[in-house]
N, C-alpha and C. Protein backbone atom coordinates (compact mmCIF):
# COMPACT_ATOMS: atom_id res chain seq x y z
N MET A 1 -30.99 -1.94 28.14
CA MET A 1 -31.97 -2.72 27.39
C MET A 1 -31.93 -4.16 27.92
N GLN A 2 -33.09 -4.72 28.17
CA GLN A 2 -33.18 -6.10 28.66
C GLN A 2 -32.75 -7.06 27.56
N GLU A 3 -32.22 -8.22 27.96
CA GLU A 3 -31.70 -9.19 27.00
C GLU A 3 -32.75 -9.62 25.98
N ALA A 4 -33.98 -9.88 26.42
CA ALA A 4 -35.04 -10.30 25.49
C ALA A 4 -35.34 -9.21 24.47
N ALA A 5 -35.40 -7.97 24.93
CA ALA A 5 -35.67 -6.84 24.03
C ALA A 5 -34.50 -6.65 23.06
N LEU A 6 -33.28 -6.82 23.55
CA LEU A 6 -32.10 -6.70 22.70
C LEU A 6 -32.10 -7.78 21.63
N LEU A 7 -32.40 -9.02 22.01
CA LEU A 7 -32.48 -10.11 21.04
C LEU A 7 -33.51 -9.82 19.95
N GLU A 8 -34.66 -9.32 20.36
CA GLU A 8 -35.72 -9.00 19.40
C GLU A 8 -35.26 -7.89 18.45
N THR A 9 -34.63 -6.85 18.99
CA THR A 9 -34.14 -5.75 18.17
C THR A 9 -33.10 -6.23 17.17
N LEU A 10 -32.14 -7.03 17.65
CA LEU A 10 -31.10 -7.54 16.75
C LEU A 10 -31.69 -8.46 15.68
N ASN A 11 -32.64 -9.29 16.05
CA ASN A 11 -33.28 -10.18 15.07
C ASN A 11 -33.99 -9.37 13.99
N GLU A 12 -34.63 -8.28 14.37
CA GLU A 12 -35.38 -7.46 13.42
C GLU A 12 -34.46 -6.64 12.51
N ARG A 13 -33.36 -6.15 13.06
CA ARG A 13 -32.52 -5.19 12.32
C ARG A 13 -31.31 -5.82 11.64
N SER A 14 -30.91 -7.00 12.05
CA SER A 14 -29.67 -7.58 11.53
C SER A 14 -29.92 -8.93 10.86
N LYS A 15 -29.74 -8.97 9.55
CA LYS A 15 -29.88 -10.24 8.83
C LYS A 15 -28.82 -11.24 9.30
N LEU A 16 -27.62 -10.73 9.59
CA LEU A 16 -26.54 -11.60 10.07
C LEU A 16 -26.91 -12.23 11.41
N PHE A 17 -27.37 -11.43 12.34
CA PHE A 17 -27.74 -11.94 13.66
C PHE A 17 -28.90 -12.93 13.55
N ALA A 18 -29.87 -12.63 12.69
CA ALA A 18 -31.03 -13.51 12.52
C ALA A 18 -30.64 -14.88 11.99
N LEU A 19 -29.52 -14.98 11.30
CA LEU A 19 -29.07 -16.26 10.75
C LEU A 19 -28.44 -17.18 11.81
N LEU A 20 -28.04 -16.61 12.94
CA LEU A 20 -27.41 -17.41 14.00
C LEU A 20 -28.44 -18.31 14.67
N ASP A 21 -27.99 -19.48 15.12
CA ASP A 21 -28.88 -20.31 15.94
C ASP A 21 -28.91 -19.73 17.35
N GLU A 22 -29.77 -20.25 18.20
CA GLU A 22 -29.92 -19.69 19.56
C GLU A 22 -28.62 -19.72 20.34
N ALA A 23 -27.84 -20.80 20.20
CA ALA A 23 -26.56 -20.90 20.92
C ALA A 23 -25.61 -19.80 20.44
N GLY A 24 -25.58 -19.54 19.14
CA GLY A 24 -24.73 -18.49 18.59
C GLY A 24 -25.14 -17.11 19.07
N LYS A 25 -26.44 -16.88 19.13
CA LYS A 25 -26.94 -15.60 19.62
C LYS A 25 -26.56 -15.40 21.09
N GLN A 26 -26.68 -16.44 21.88
CA GLN A 26 -26.33 -16.34 23.30
C GLN A 26 -24.84 -16.08 23.47
N ARG A 27 -23.99 -16.76 22.68
CA ARG A 27 -22.54 -16.53 22.76
C ARG A 27 -22.20 -15.08 22.40
N MET A 28 -22.87 -14.58 21.37
CA MET A 28 -22.61 -13.20 20.97
C MET A 28 -23.00 -12.23 22.08
N LEU A 29 -24.16 -12.45 22.70
CA LEU A 29 -24.60 -11.57 23.78
C LEU A 29 -23.72 -11.67 25.01
N LEU A 30 -23.21 -12.87 25.30
CA LEU A 30 -22.35 -13.04 26.48
C LEU A 30 -21.03 -12.30 26.34
N THR A 31 -20.55 -12.14 25.12
CA THR A 31 -19.26 -11.46 24.92
C THR A 31 -19.43 -10.00 24.54
N ALA A 32 -20.68 -9.56 24.36
CA ALA A 32 -20.93 -8.18 23.93
C ALA A 32 -20.70 -7.18 25.05
N ARG A 33 -20.28 -6.00 24.65
CA ARG A 33 -20.14 -4.88 25.57
C ARG A 33 -20.96 -3.73 25.01
N TRP A 34 -21.69 -3.05 25.86
CA TRP A 34 -22.50 -1.90 25.47
C TRP A 34 -21.61 -0.68 25.59
N ILE A 35 -21.42 0.03 24.48
CA ILE A 35 -20.57 1.22 24.49
C ILE A 35 -21.35 2.40 23.92
N ASP A 36 -21.33 3.50 24.63
CA ASP A 36 -21.97 4.73 24.20
C ASP A 36 -20.87 5.68 23.74
N HIS A 37 -20.93 6.13 22.49
CA HIS A 37 -19.93 7.08 21.99
C HIS A 37 -20.58 8.44 21.78
N PRO A 38 -19.90 9.50 22.20
CA PRO A 38 -20.45 10.84 21.97
C PRO A 38 -20.37 11.21 20.49
N ALA A 39 -21.17 12.17 20.07
CA ALA A 39 -21.15 12.63 18.69
C ALA A 39 -19.74 13.06 18.30
N GLY A 40 -19.32 12.64 17.11
CA GLY A 40 -18.01 13.02 16.60
C GLY A 40 -16.86 12.14 17.05
N ALA A 41 -17.12 11.17 17.90
CA ALA A 41 -16.06 10.30 18.41
C ALA A 41 -15.52 9.39 17.30
N VAL A 42 -14.22 9.13 17.34
CA VAL A 42 -13.60 8.18 16.42
C VAL A 42 -13.68 6.81 17.08
N VAL A 43 -14.31 5.86 16.40
CA VAL A 43 -14.49 4.52 16.96
C VAL A 43 -13.35 3.61 16.50
N VAL A 44 -13.04 3.66 15.23
CA VAL A 44 -11.95 2.86 14.66
C VAL A 44 -11.19 3.75 13.69
N SER A 45 -9.87 3.69 13.76
CA SER A 45 -9.05 4.49 12.84
C SER A 45 -8.50 3.61 11.73
N GLU A 46 -8.50 4.14 10.52
CA GLU A 46 -7.97 3.43 9.37
C GLU A 46 -6.52 3.02 9.63
N GLY A 47 -6.21 1.78 9.30
CA GLY A 47 -4.85 1.28 9.46
C GLY A 47 -4.61 0.58 10.79
N ASN A 48 -5.46 0.79 11.78
CA ASN A 48 -5.34 0.12 13.06
C ASN A 48 -6.02 -1.24 13.00
N THR A 49 -5.45 -2.21 13.68
CA THR A 49 -6.06 -3.54 13.76
C THR A 49 -7.12 -3.53 14.85
N ASP A 50 -8.29 -4.05 14.53
CA ASP A 50 -9.37 -4.12 15.50
C ASP A 50 -10.00 -5.50 15.41
N THR A 51 -10.19 -6.14 16.54
CA THR A 51 -10.78 -7.48 16.55
C THR A 51 -12.24 -7.45 17.01
N ASP A 52 -12.78 -6.26 17.22
CA ASP A 52 -14.15 -6.13 17.69
C ASP A 52 -15.14 -6.13 16.53
N PHE A 53 -16.37 -6.48 16.85
CA PHE A 53 -17.49 -6.43 15.92
C PHE A 53 -18.44 -5.39 16.45
N TYR A 54 -18.79 -4.43 15.64
CA TYR A 54 -19.65 -3.33 16.09
C TYR A 54 -21.04 -3.47 15.48
N TYR A 55 -22.04 -3.18 16.30
CA TYR A 55 -23.42 -3.15 15.82
C TYR A 55 -24.03 -1.86 16.31
N LEU A 56 -24.50 -1.05 15.39
CA LEU A 56 -25.07 0.25 15.71
C LEU A 56 -26.55 0.07 16.03
N LEU A 57 -26.93 0.31 17.28
CA LEU A 57 -28.32 0.16 17.69
C LEU A 57 -29.13 1.43 17.48
N SER A 58 -28.48 2.58 17.60
CA SER A 58 -29.19 3.83 17.37
C SER A 58 -28.18 4.89 16.97
N GLY A 59 -28.69 5.95 16.35
CA GLY A 59 -27.82 7.03 15.92
C GLY A 59 -27.34 6.80 14.50
N SER A 60 -26.25 7.45 14.17
CA SER A 60 -25.69 7.32 12.83
C SER A 60 -24.17 7.37 12.94
N LEU A 61 -23.53 7.00 11.86
CA LEU A 61 -22.07 7.07 11.84
C LEU A 61 -21.62 7.53 10.47
N ARG A 62 -20.40 7.99 10.43
CA ARG A 62 -19.80 8.45 9.19
C ARG A 62 -18.50 7.66 9.01
N VAL A 63 -18.29 7.13 7.82
CA VAL A 63 -17.07 6.39 7.51
C VAL A 63 -16.18 7.28 6.66
N MET A 64 -14.97 7.49 7.14
CA MET A 64 -14.00 8.33 6.44
C MET A 64 -12.78 7.50 6.11
N VAL A 65 -12.24 7.66 4.92
CA VAL A 65 -11.00 6.98 4.54
C VAL A 65 -10.04 8.02 3.99
N ASP A 66 -8.77 7.71 4.10
CA ASP A 66 -7.73 8.59 3.57
C ASP A 66 -7.40 8.13 2.15
N ASP A 67 -7.65 8.98 1.19
CA ASP A 67 -7.38 8.67 -0.22
C ASP A 67 -6.25 9.57 -0.69
N PHE A 68 -5.01 9.10 -0.46
CA PHE A 68 -3.82 9.85 -0.83
C PHE A 68 -3.82 11.26 -0.24
N GLY A 69 -4.10 11.33 1.05
CA GLY A 69 -4.04 12.59 1.78
C GLY A 69 -5.36 13.34 1.83
N GLN A 70 -6.35 12.91 1.10
CA GLN A 70 -7.67 13.55 1.10
C GLN A 70 -8.62 12.72 1.95
N GLN A 71 -9.35 13.36 2.85
CA GLN A 71 -10.38 12.66 3.61
C GLN A 71 -11.61 12.46 2.73
N VAL A 72 -12.00 11.21 2.51
CA VAL A 72 -13.14 10.88 1.66
C VAL A 72 -14.22 10.26 2.53
N GLN A 73 -15.42 10.73 2.38
CA GLN A 73 -16.55 10.23 3.18
C GLN A 73 -17.29 9.18 2.41
């Protein structure tokens, strides 16, 4: 996706991104990495430290947590 098209998509879909000034948007894009995950992939595991910020551009995701040994969706 071209940078201009990506900026437009993020502005339309993300209230958080839309609140950034142009310099903030550019900084975010400069540090962004495009990652494609296959269906069913685990992106982040509960209890692990993650310093990344994820933005879902397409598809869907499922959030699962461990509630005393039970997987809760």
